[in-house]
Amino acid sequence: MSESLDIDTRRRRLRYRSARTGTKETDLLVGDVIARLGNGLPPEEVEQAERLLGANDVDIATWISGRMPAPAEHDTPFLARLRREARNRRHRPLR
């Protein structure tokens, strides 16, 4: 993503892009976290999320689930946050 854009614009674009990744699983895993954090996502994690969304959707889901280790460039605090959220989601009762 272009560094020339202000952080609020980047967050808005990230919310849109993360909800429409191409696979429903990744939409739910990534899009929900980003939507919930909203403007609270730190700039460094905005950049990490932007880079992560450039990867293959199926790979992103396997990295989050832990079925496959993430490459170093994607093994970031944002990915760790997604993993925690996915673990917590499994332990929440269905509504």
PDB file of N, CA and C in Angstrom:
ATOM      1  N   MET A   1       0.857  -1.177   0.000  1.00  0.00           N
ATOM      2  CA  MET A   1       0.000   0.000   0.000  1.00  0.00           C
ATOM      3  C   MET A   1       0.897   1.232   0.000  1.00  0.00           C
ATOM      4  N   SER A   2       0.431   2.265  -0.555  1.00  0.00           N
ATOM      5  CA  SER A   2       1.234   3.473  -0.682  1.00  0.00           C
ATOM      6  C   SER A   2       1.394   4.171   0.657  1.00  0.00           C
ATOM      7  N   GLU A   3       2.634   4.475   0.973  1.00  0.00           N
ATOM      8  CA  GLU A   3       2.926   5.193   2.209  1.00  0.00           C
ATOM      9  C   GLU A   3       2.454   6.639   2.140  1.00  0.00           C
ATOM     10  N   SER A   4       2.144   7.147   0.943  1.00  0.00           N
ATOM     11  CA  SER A   4       1.717   8.529   0.810  1.00  0.00           C
ATOM     12  C   SER A   4       0.287   8.744   1.293  1.00  0.00           C
ATOM     13  N   LEU A   5      -0.488   7.659   1.421  1.00  0.00           N
ATOM     14  CA  LEU A   5      -1.862   7.787   1.912  1.00  0.00           C
ATOM     15  C   LEU A   5      -1.848   7.964   3.424  1.00  0.00           C
ATOM     16  N   ASP A   6      -2.784   8.760   3.935  1.00  0.00           N
ATOM     17  CA  ASP A   6      -2.840   8.922   5.383  1.00  0.00           C
ATOM     18  C   ASP A   6      -3.347   7.634   6.022  1.00  0.00           C
ATOM     19  N   ILE A   7      -3.085   7.473   7.302  1.00  0.00           N
ATOM     20  CA  ILE A   7      -3.387   6.227   8.001  1.00  0.00           C
ATOM     21  C   ILE A   7      -4.887   5.928   8.030  1.00  0.00           C
ATOM     22  N   ASP A   8      -5.729   6.934   8.135  1.00  0.00           N
ATOM     23  CA  ASP A   8      -7.177   6.688   8.153  1.00  0.00           C
ATOM     24  C   ASP A   8      -7.659   6.116   6.818  1.00  0.00           C
ATOM     25  N   THR A   9      -7.130   6.631   5.725  1.00  0.00           N
ATOM     26  CA  THR A   9      -7.483   6.107   4.400  1.00  0.00           C
ATOM     27  C   THR A   9      -6.997   4.670   4.261  1.00  0.00           C
ATOM     28  N   ARG A  10      -5.793   4.401   4.728  1.00  0.00           N
ATOM     29  CA  ARG A  10      -5.255   3.042   4.664  1.00  0.00           C
ATOM     30  C   ARG A  10      -6.098   2.083   5.494  1.00  0.00           C
ATOM     31  N   ARG A  11      -6.548   2.523   6.666  1.00  0.00           N
ATOM     32  CA  ARG A  11      -7.403   1.664   7.503  1.00  0.00           C
ATOM     33  C   ARG A  11      -8.736   1.382   6.814  1.00  0.00           C
ATOM     34  N   ARG A  12      -9.333   2.401   6.203  1.00  0.00           N
ATOM     35  CA  ARG A  12     -10.605   2.200   5.484  1.00  0.00           C
ATOM     36  C   ARG A  12     -10.423   1.214   4.342  1.00  0.00           C
ATOM     37  N   ARG A  13      -9.376   1.369   3.575  1.00  0.00           N
ATOM     38  CA  ARG A  13      -9.107   0.455   2.463  1.00  0.00           C
ATOM     39  C   ARG A  13      -8.863  -0.967   2.974  1.00  0.00           C
ATOM     40  N   LEU A  14      -8.169  -1.059   4.078  1.00  0.00           N
ATOM     41  CA  LEU A  14      -7.882  -2.360   4.664  1.00  0.00           C
ATOM     42  C   LEU A  14      -9.161  -3.043   5.142  1.00  0.00           C
ATOM     43  N   ARG A  15     -10.066  -2.291   5.753  1.00  0.00           N
ATOM     44  CA  ARG A  15     -11.349  -2.873   6.182  1.00  0.00           C
ATOM     45  C   ARG A  15     -12.117  -3.414   4.985  1.00  0.00           C
ATOM     46  N   TYR A  16     -12.158  -2.656   3.918  1.00  0.00           N
ATOM     47  CA  TYR A  16     -12.864  -3.103   2.714  1.00  0.00           C
ATOM     48  C   TYR A  16     -12.189  -4.344   2.129  1.00  0.00           C
ATOM     49  N   ARG A  17     -10.901  -4.262   1.939  1.00  0.00           N
ATOM     50  CA  ARG A  17     -10.158  -5.348   1.300  1.00  0.00           C
ATOM     51  C   ARG A  17     -10.182  -6.627   2.138  1.00  0.00           C
ATOM     52  N   SER A  18     -10.113  -6.507   3.451  1.00  0.00           N
ATOM     53  CA  SER A  18     -10.065  -7.697   4.310  1.00  0.00           C
ATOM     54  C   SER A  18     -11.408  -8.418   4.387  1.00  0.00           C
ATOM     55  N   ALA A  19     -12.480  -7.739   4.066  1.00  0.00           N
ATOM     56  CA  ALA A  19     -13.804  -8.363   4.079  1.00  0.00           C
ATOM     57  C   ALA A  19     -14.128  -9.021   2.741  1.00  0.00           C
ATOM     58  N   ARG A  20     -13.269  -8.828   1.750  1.00  0.00           N
ATOM     59  CA  ARG A  20     -13.500  -9.373   0.412  1.00  0.00           C
ATOM     60  C   ARG A  20     -12.211  -9.968  -0.141  1.00  0.00           C
ATOM     61  N   THR A  21     -11.673 -10.942   0.572  1.00  0.00           N
ATOM     62  CA  THR A  21     -10.376 -11.495   0.187  1.00  0.00           C
ATOM     63  C   THR A  21     -10.460 -12.484  -0.963  1.00  0.00           C
ATOM     64  N   GLY A  22     -11.573 -13.144  -1.080  1.00  0.00           N
ATOM     65  CA  GLY A  22     -11.709 -14.163  -2.116  1.00  0.00           C
ATOM     66  C   GLY A  22     -12.164 -15.490  -1.546  1.00  0.00           C
ATOM     67  N   THR A  23     -11.863 -15.733  -0.265  1.00  0.00           N
ATOM     68  CA  THR A  23     -12.371 -16.946   0.388  1.00  0.00           C
ATOM     69  C   THR A  23     -13.110 -16.540   1.652  1.00  0.00           C
ATOM     70  N   LYS A  24     -14.203 -17.205   1.911  1.00  0.00           N
ATOM     71  CA  LYS A  24     -15.034 -16.867   3.064  1.00  0.00           C
ATOM     72  C   LYS A  24     -14.278 -17.046   4.378  1.00  0.00           C
ATOM     73  N   GLU A  25     -13.456 -18.094   4.457  1.00  0.00           N
ATOM     74  CA  GLU A  25     -12.709 -18.347   5.683  1.00  0.00           C
ATOM     75  C   GLU A  25     -11.783 -17.178   6.017  1.00  0.00           C
ATOM     76  N   THR A  26     -11.058 -16.708   5.013  1.00  0.00           N
ATOM     77  CA  THR A  26     -10.137 -15.592   5.245  1.00  0.00           C
ATOM     78  C   THR A  26     -10.912 -14.309   5.515  1.00  0.00           C
ATOM     79  N   ASP A  27     -12.034 -14.107   4.831  1.00  0.00           N
ATOM     80  CA  ASP A  27     -12.887 -12.947   5.116  1.00  0.00           C
ATOM     81  C   ASP A  27     -13.261 -12.930   6.592  1.00  0.00           C
ATOM     82  N   LEU A  28     -13.674 -14.087   7.107  1.00  0.00           N
ATOM     83  CA  LEU A  28     -14.106 -14.159   8.500  1.00  0.00           C
ATOM     84  C   LEU A  28     -12.934 -14.001   9.464  1.00  0.00           C
ATOM     85  N   LEU A  29     -11.840 -14.665   9.186  1.00  0.00           N
ATOM     86  CA  LEU A  29     -10.698 -14.616  10.098  1.00  0.00           C
ATOM     87  C   LEU A  29     -10.045 -13.242  10.141  1.00  0.00           C
ATOM     88  N   VAL A  30      -9.791 -12.679   8.984  1.00  0.00           N
ATOM     89  CA  VAL A  30      -9.066 -11.400   8.914  1.00  0.00           C
ATOM     90  C   VAL A  30     -10.030 -10.222   8.972  1.00  0.00           C
ATOM     91  N   GLY A  31     -11.081 -10.279   8.169  1.00  0.00           N
ATOM     92  CA  GLY A  31     -12.020  -9.161   8.077  1.00  0.00           C
ATOM     93  C   GLY A  31     -12.690  -8.818   9.392  1.00  0.00           C
ATOM     94  N   ASP A  32     -13.087  -9.837  10.144  1.00  0.00           N
ATOM     95  CA  ASP A  32     -13.739  -9.572  11.427  1.00  0.00           C
ATOM     96  C   ASP A  32     -12.815  -8.887  12.416  1.00  0.00           C
ATOM     97  N   VAL A  33     -11.566  -9.331  12.463  1.00  0.00           N
ATOM     98  CA  VAL A  33     -10.599  -8.720  13.389  1.00  0.00           C
ATOM     99  C   VAL A  33     -10.363  -7.265  13.017  1.00  0.00           C
ATOM    100  N   ILE A  34     -10.136  -7.005  11.750  1.00  0.00           N
ATOM    101  CA  ILE A  34      -9.868  -5.635  11.307  1.00  0.00           C
ATOM    102  C   ILE A  34     -11.092  -4.751  11.507  1.00  0.00           C
ATOM    103  N   ALA A  35     -12.277  -5.275  11.220  1.00  0.00           N
ATOM    104  CA  ALA A  35     -13.502  -4.491  11.416  1.00  0.00           C
ATOM    105  C   ALA A  35     -13.703  -4.146  12.892  1.00  0.00           C
ATOM    106  N   ARG A  36     -13.430  -5.098  13.754  1.00  0.00           N
ATOM    107  CA  ARG A  36     -13.621  -4.862  15.185  1.00  0.00           C
ATOM    108  C   ARG A  36     -12.606  -3.855  15.732  1.00  0.00           C
ATOM    109  N   LEU A  37     -11.379  -3.921  15.259  1.00  0.00           N
ATOM    110  CA  LEU A  37     -10.346  -3.003  15.748  1.00  0.00           C
ATOM    111  C   LEU A  37     -10.544  -1.597  15.205  1.00  0.00           C
ATOM    112  N   GLY A  38     -11.079  -1.507  13.990  1.00  0.00           N
ATOM    113  CA  GLY A  38     -11.348  -0.202  13.392  1.00  0.00           C
ATOM    114  C   GLY A  38     -10.135   0.698  13.391  1.00  0.00           C
ATOM    115  N   ASN A  39     -10.314   1.894  13.900  1.00  0.00           N
ATOM    116  CA  ASN A  39      -9.224   2.871  13.914  1.00  0.00           C
ATOM    117  C   ASN A  39      -8.207   2.605  15.001  1.00  0.00           C
ATOM    118  N   GLY A  40      -8.421   1.553  15.791  1.00  0.00           N
ATOM    119  CA  GLY A  40      -7.479   1.207  16.844  1.00  0.00           C
ATOM    120  C   GLY A  40      -6.316   0.358  16.377  1.00  0.00           C
ATOM    121  N   LEU A  41      -6.336  -0.064  15.114  1.00  0.00           N
ATOM    122  CA  LEU A  41      -5.232  -0.874  14.598  1.00  0.00           C
ATOM    123  C   LEU A  41      -4.004   0.024  14.445  1.00  0.00           C
ATOM    124  N   PRO A  42      -2.914  -0.311  15.143  1.00  0.00           N
ATOM    125  CA  PRO A  42      -1.711   0.530  15.078  1.00  0.00           C
ATOM    126  C   PRO A  42      -1.143   0.594  13.658  1.00  0.00           C
ATOM    127  N   PRO A  43      -0.520   1.704  13.307  1.00  0.00           N
ATOM    128  CA  PRO A  43       0.029   1.863  11.947  1.00  0.00           C
ATOM    129  C   PRO A  43       0.949   0.733  11.520  1.00  0.00           C
ATOM    130  N   GLU A  44       1.782   0.236  12.429  1.00  0.00           N
ATOM    131  CA  GLU A  44       2.694  -0.848  12.028  1.00  0.00           C
ATOM    132  C   GLU A  44       1.914  -2.130  11.703  1.00  0.00           C
ATOM    133  N   GLU A  45       0.795  -2.366  12.390  1.00  0.00           N
ATOM    134  CA  GLU A  45      -0.021  -3.536  12.070  1.00  0.00           C
ATOM    135  C   GLU A  45      -0.859  -3.304  10.811  1.00  0.00           C
ATOM    136  N   VAL A  46      -1.182  -2.050  10.513  1.00  0.00           N
ATOM    137  CA  VAL A  46      -1.848  -1.751   9.235  1.00  0.00           C
ATOM    138  C   VAL A  46      -0.929  -2.184   8.098  1.00  0.00           C
ATOM    139  N   GLU A  47       0.338  -1.833   8.194  1.00  0.00           N
ATOM    140  CA  GLU A  47       1.298  -2.206   7.152  1.00  0.00           C
ATOM    141  C   GLU A  47       1.453  -3.727   7.071  1.00  0.00           C
ATOM    142  N   GLN A  48       1.519  -4.386   8.223  1.00  0.00           N
ATOM    143  CA  GLN A  48       1.649  -5.844   8.244  1.00  0.00           C
ATOM    144  C   GLN A  48       0.418  -6.503   7.616  1.00  0.00           C
ATOM    145  N   ALA A  49      -0.759  -5.985   7.921  1.00  0.00           N
ATOM    146  CA  ALA A  49      -2.005  -6.532   7.360  1.00  0.00           C
ATOM    147  C   ALA A  49      -2.056  -6.318   5.854  1.00  0.00           C
ATOM    148  N   GLU A  50      -1.627  -5.148   5.401  1.00  0.00           N
ATOM    149  CA  GLU A  50      -1.613  -4.877   3.962  1.00  0.00           C
ATOM    150  C   GLU A  50      -0.713  -5.877   3.242  1.00  0.00           C
ATOM    151  N   ARG A  51       0.460  -6.141   3.807  1.00  0.00           N
ATOM    152  CA  ARG A  51       1.373  -7.108   3.186  1.00  0.00           C
ATOM    153  C   ARG A  51       0.792  -8.514   3.225  1.00  0.00           C
ATOM    154  N   LEU A  52       0.180  -8.870   4.359  1.00  0.00           N
ATOM    155  CA  LEU A  52      -0.411 -10.201   4.496  1.00  0.00           C
ATOM    156  C   LEU A  52      -1.497 -10.436   3.451  1.00  0.00           C
ATOM    157  N   LEU A  53      -2.319  -9.431   3.215  1.00  0.00           N
ATOM    158  CA  LEU A  53      -3.412  -9.590   2.250  1.00  0.00           C
ATOM    159  C   LEU A  53      -2.919  -9.689   0.809  1.00  0.00           C
ATOM    160  N   GLY A  54      -1.650  -9.445   0.593  1.00  0.00           N
ATOM    161  CA  GLY A  54      -1.062  -9.657  -0.726  1.00  0.00           C
ATOM    162  C   GLY A  54      -0.719 -11.117  -0.986  1.00  0.00           C
ATOM    163  N   ALA A  55      -0.793 -11.935   0.066  1.00  0.00           N
ATOM    164  CA  ALA A  55      -0.491 -13.364  -0.069  1.00  0.00           C
ATOM    165  C   ALA A  55      -1.735 -14.123  -0.518  1.00  0.00           C
ATOM    166  N   ASN A  56      -1.545 -15.366  -0.861  1.00  0.00           N
ATOM    167  CA  ASN A  56      -2.623 -16.255  -1.274  1.00  0.00           C
ATOM    168  C   ASN A  56      -3.583 -16.486  -0.102  1.00  0.00           C
ATOM    169  N   ASP A  57      -4.895 -16.405  -0.364  1.00  0.00           N
ATOM    170  CA  ASP A  57      -5.902 -16.554   0.690  1.00  0.00           C
ATOM    171  C   ASP A  57      -5.809 -17.886   1.419  1.00  0.00           C
ATOM    172  N   VAL A  58      -5.598 -18.946   0.682  1.00  0.00           N
ATOM    173  CA  VAL A  58      -5.506 -20.268   1.302  1.00  0.00           C
ATOM    174  C   VAL A  58      -4.287 -20.341   2.211  1.00  0.00           C
ATOM    175  N   ASP A  59      -3.177 -19.757   1.777  1.00  0.00           N
ATOM    176  CA  ASP A  59      -1.978 -19.726   2.619  1.00  0.00           C
ATOM    177  C   ASP A  59      -2.237 -18.946   3.907  1.00  0.00           C
ATOM    178  N   ILE A  60      -2.910 -17.814   3.793  1.00  0.00           N
ATOM    179  CA  ILE A  60      -3.211 -17.000   4.979  1.00  0.00           C
ATOM    180  C   ILE A  60      -3.997 -17.831   5.993  1.00  0.00           C
ATOM    181  N   ALA A  61      -5.003 -18.540   5.530  1.00  0.00           N
ATOM    182  CA  ALA A  61      -5.819 -19.356   6.436  1.00  0.00           C
ATOM    183  C   ALA A  61      -4.985 -20.456   7.085  1.00  0.00           C
ATOM    184  N   THR A  62      -4.077 -21.073   6.337  1.00  0.00           N
ATOM    185  CA  THR A  62      -3.256 -22.137   6.932  1.00  0.00           C
ATOM    186  C   THR A  62      -2.233 -21.573   7.908  1.00  0.00           C
ATOM    187  N   TRP A  63      -1.748 -20.355   7.664  1.00  0.00           N
ATOM    188  CA  TRP A  63      -0.829 -19.730   8.613  1.00  0.00           C
ATOM    189  C   TRP A  63      -1.543 -19.371   9.909  1.00  0.00           C
ATOM    190  N   ILE A  64      -2.766 -18.870   9.778  1.00  0.00           N
ATOM    191  CA  ILE A  64      -3.535 -18.512  10.970  1.00  0.00           C
ATOM    192  C   ILE A  64      -3.854 -19.750  11.784  1.00  0.00           C
ATOM    193  N   SER A  65      -4.241 -20.821  11.116  1.00  0.00           N
ATOM    194  CA  SER A  65      -4.618 -22.053  11.814  1.00  0.00           C
ATOM    195  C   SER A  65      -3.410 -22.778  12.395  1.00  0.00           C
ATOM    196  N   GLY A  66      -2.224 -22.473  11.891  1.00  0.00           N
ATOM    197  CA  GLY A  66      -1.020 -23.145  12.355  1.00  0.00           C
ATOM    198  C   GLY A  66      -0.732 -24.449  11.625  1.00  0.00           C
ATOM    199  N   ARG A  67      -1.510 -24.767  10.600  1.00  0.00           N
ATOM    200  CA  ARG A  67      -1.267 -25.992   9.831  1.00  0.00           C
ATOM    201  C   ARG A  67       0.012 -25.891   9.013  1.00  0.00           C
ATOM    202  N   MET A  68       0.460 -24.677   8.773  1.00  0.00           N
ATOM    203  CA  MET A  68       1.674 -24.448   8.004  1.00  0.00           C
ATOM    204  C   MET A  68       2.353 -23.211   8.602  1.00  0.00           C
ATOM    205  N   PRO A  69       3.674 -23.250   8.798  1.00  0.00           N
ATOM    206  CA  PRO A  69       4.339 -22.057   9.335  1.00  0.00           C
ATOM    207  C   PRO A  69       4.348 -20.924   8.300  1.00  0.00           C
ATOM    208  N   ALA A  70       4.214 -19.721   8.794  1.00  0.00           N
ATOM    209  CA  ALA A  70       4.242 -18.548   7.907  1.00  0.00           C
ATOM    210  C   ALA A  70       5.682 -18.216   7.549  1.00  0.00           C
ATOM    211  N   PRO A  71       5.910 -17.738   6.337  1.00  0.00           N
ATOM    212  CA  PRO A  71       7.253 -17.259   5.997  1.00  0.00           C
ATOM    213  C   PRO A  71       7.595 -16.045   6.864  1.00  0.00           C
ATOM    214  N   ALA A  72       8.863 -15.811   7.030  1.00  0.00           N
ATOM    215  CA  ALA A  72       9.338 -14.759   7.938  1.00  0.00           C
ATOM    216  C   ALA A  72       8.698 -13.400   7.657  1.00  0.00           C
ATOM    217  N   GLU A  73       8.506 -13.056   6.387  1.00  0.00           N
ATOM    218  CA  GLU A  73       7.963 -11.727   6.077  1.00  0.00           C
ATOM    219  C   GLU A  73       6.509 -11.572   6.517  1.00  0.00           C
ATOM    220  N   HIS A  74       5.818 -12.676   6.774  1.00  0.00           N
ATOM    221  CA  HIS A  74       4.426 -12.603   7.219  1.00  0.00           C
ATOM    222  C   HIS A  74       4.247 -13.021   8.673  1.00  0.00           C
ATOM    223  N   ASP A  75       5.314 -13.498   9.310  1.00  0.00           N
ATOM    224  CA  ASP A  75       5.235 -13.922  10.705  1.00  0.00           C
ATOM    225  C   ASP A  75       5.422 -12.688  11.587  1.00  0.00           C
ATOM    226  N   THR A  76       4.349 -11.933  11.725  1.00  0.00           N
ATOM    227  CA  THR A  76       4.377 -10.608  12.353  1.00  0.00           C
ATOM    228  C   THR A  76       3.462 -10.564  13.574  1.00  0.00           C
ATOM    229  N   PRO A  77       3.534  -9.485  14.347  1.00  0.00           N
ATOM    230  CA  PRO A  77       2.584  -9.318  15.452  1.00  0.00           C
ATOM    231  C   PRO A  77       1.123  -9.336  14.988  1.00  0.00           C
ATOM    232  N   PHE A  78       0.847  -8.840  13.793  1.00  0.00           N
ATOM    233  CA  PHE A  78      -0.531  -8.878  13.305  1.00  0.00           C
ATOM    234  C   PHE A  78      -0.987 -10.317  13.077  1.00  0.00           C
ATOM    235  N   LEU A  79      -0.140 -11.150  12.501  1.00  0.00           N
ATOM    236  CA  LEU A  79      -0.497 -12.555  12.303  1.00  0.00           C
ATOM    237  C   LEU A  79      -0.677 -13.244  13.657  1.00  0.00           C
ATOM    238  N   ALA A  80       0.163 -12.921  14.630  1.00  0.00           N
ATOM    239  CA  ALA A  80       0.003 -13.484  15.978  1.00  0.00           C
ATOM    240  C   ALA A  80      -1.351 -13.074  16.561  1.00  0.00           C
ATOM    241  N   ARG A  81      -1.756 -11.842  16.328  1.00  0.00           N
ATOM    242  CA  ARG A  81      -3.071 -11.372  16.786  1.00  0.00           C
ATOM    243  C   ARG A  81      -4.186 -12.192  16.131  1.00  0.00           C
ATOM    244  N   LEU A  82      -4.058 -12.437  14.824  1.00  0.00           N
ATOM    245  CA  LEU A  82      -5.067 -13.229  14.122  1.00  0.00           C
ATOM    246  C   LEU A  82      -5.140 -14.644  14.683  1.00  0.00           C
ATOM    247  N   ARG A  83      -3.983 -15.219  14.999  1.00  0.00           N
ATOM    248  CA  ARG A  83      -3.968 -16.568  15.577  1.00  0.00           C
ATOM    249  C   ARG A  83      -4.675 -16.600  16.934  1.00  0.00           C
ATOM    250  N   ARG A  84      -4.401 -15.603  17.772  1.00  0.00           N
ATOM    251  CA  ARG A  84      -5.074 -15.534  19.085  1.00  0.00           C
ATOM    252  C   ARG A  84      -6.575 -15.404  18.921  1.00  0.00           C
ATOM    253  N   GLU A  85      -6.979 -14.541  18.003  1.00  0.00           N
ATOM    254  CA  GLU A  85      -8.410 -14.338  17.758  1.00  0.00           C
ATOM    255  C   GLU A  85      -9.070 -15.624  17.264  1.00  0.00           C
ATOM    256  N   ALA A  86      -8.398 -16.346  16.394  1.00  0.00           N
ATOM    257  CA  ALA A  86      -8.952 -17.600  15.884  1.00  0.00           C
ATOM    258  C   ALA A  86      -9.086 -18.626  17.003  1.00  0.00           C
ATOM    259  N   ARG A  87      -8.079 -18.709  17.882  1.00  0.00           N
ATOM    260  CA  ARG A  87      -8.162 -19.628  19.024  1.00  0.00           C
ATOM    261  C   ARG A  87      -9.306 -19.251  19.946  1.00  0.00           C
ATOM    262  N   ASN A  88      -9.447 -17.967  20.239  1.00  0.00           N
ATOM    263  CA  ASN A  88     -10.521 -17.496  21.120  1.00  0.00           C
ATOM    264  C   ASN A  88     -11.888 -17.752  20.507  1.00  0.00           C
ATOM    265  N   ARG A  89     -12.001 -17.607  19.208  1.00  0.00           N
ATOM    266  CA  ARG A  89     -13.269 -17.816  18.514  1.00  0.00           C
ATOM    267  C   ARG A  89     -13.740 -19.264  18.672  1.00  0.00           C
ATOM    268  N   ARG A  90     -12.794 -20.191  18.654  1.00  0.00           N
ATOM    269  CA  ARG A  90     -13.172 -21.607  18.807  1.00  0.00           C
ATOM    270  C   ARG A  90     -13.768 -21.894  20.166  1.00  0.00           C
ATOM    271  N   HIS A  91     -13.429 -21.086  21.155  1.00  0.00           N
ATOM    272  CA  HIS A  91     -13.880 -21.341  22.522  1.00  0.00           C
ATOM    273  C   HIS A  91     -15.129 -20.546  22.891  1.00  0.00           C
ATOM    274  N   ARG A  92     -15.619 -19.722  21.980  1.00  0.00           N
ATOM    275  CA  ARG A  92     -16.861 -18.964  22.240  1.00  0.00           C
ATOM    276  C   ARG A  92     -18.065 -19.786  21.858  1.00  0.00           C
ATOM    277  N   PRO A  93     -19.119 -19.707  22.657  1.00  0.00           N
ATOM    278  CA  PRO A  93     -20.345 -20.438  22.274  1.00  0.00           C
ATOM    279  C   PRO A  93     -20.982 -19.805  21.045  1.00  0.00           C
ATOM    280  N   LEU A  94     -21.634 -20.633  20.257  1.00  0.00           N
ATOM    281  CA  LEU A  94     -22.355 -20.126  19.081  1.00  0.00           C
ATOM    282  C   LEU A  94     -23.594 -19.386  19.536  1.00  0.00           C
ATOM    283  N   ARG A  95     -23.986 -18.385  18.782  1.00  0.00           N
ATOM    284  CA  ARG A  95     -25.191 -17.612  19.136  1.00  0.00           C
ATOM    285  C   ARG A  95     -26.336 -18.039  18.304  1.00  0.00           C
TER     286      ARG A  95
END
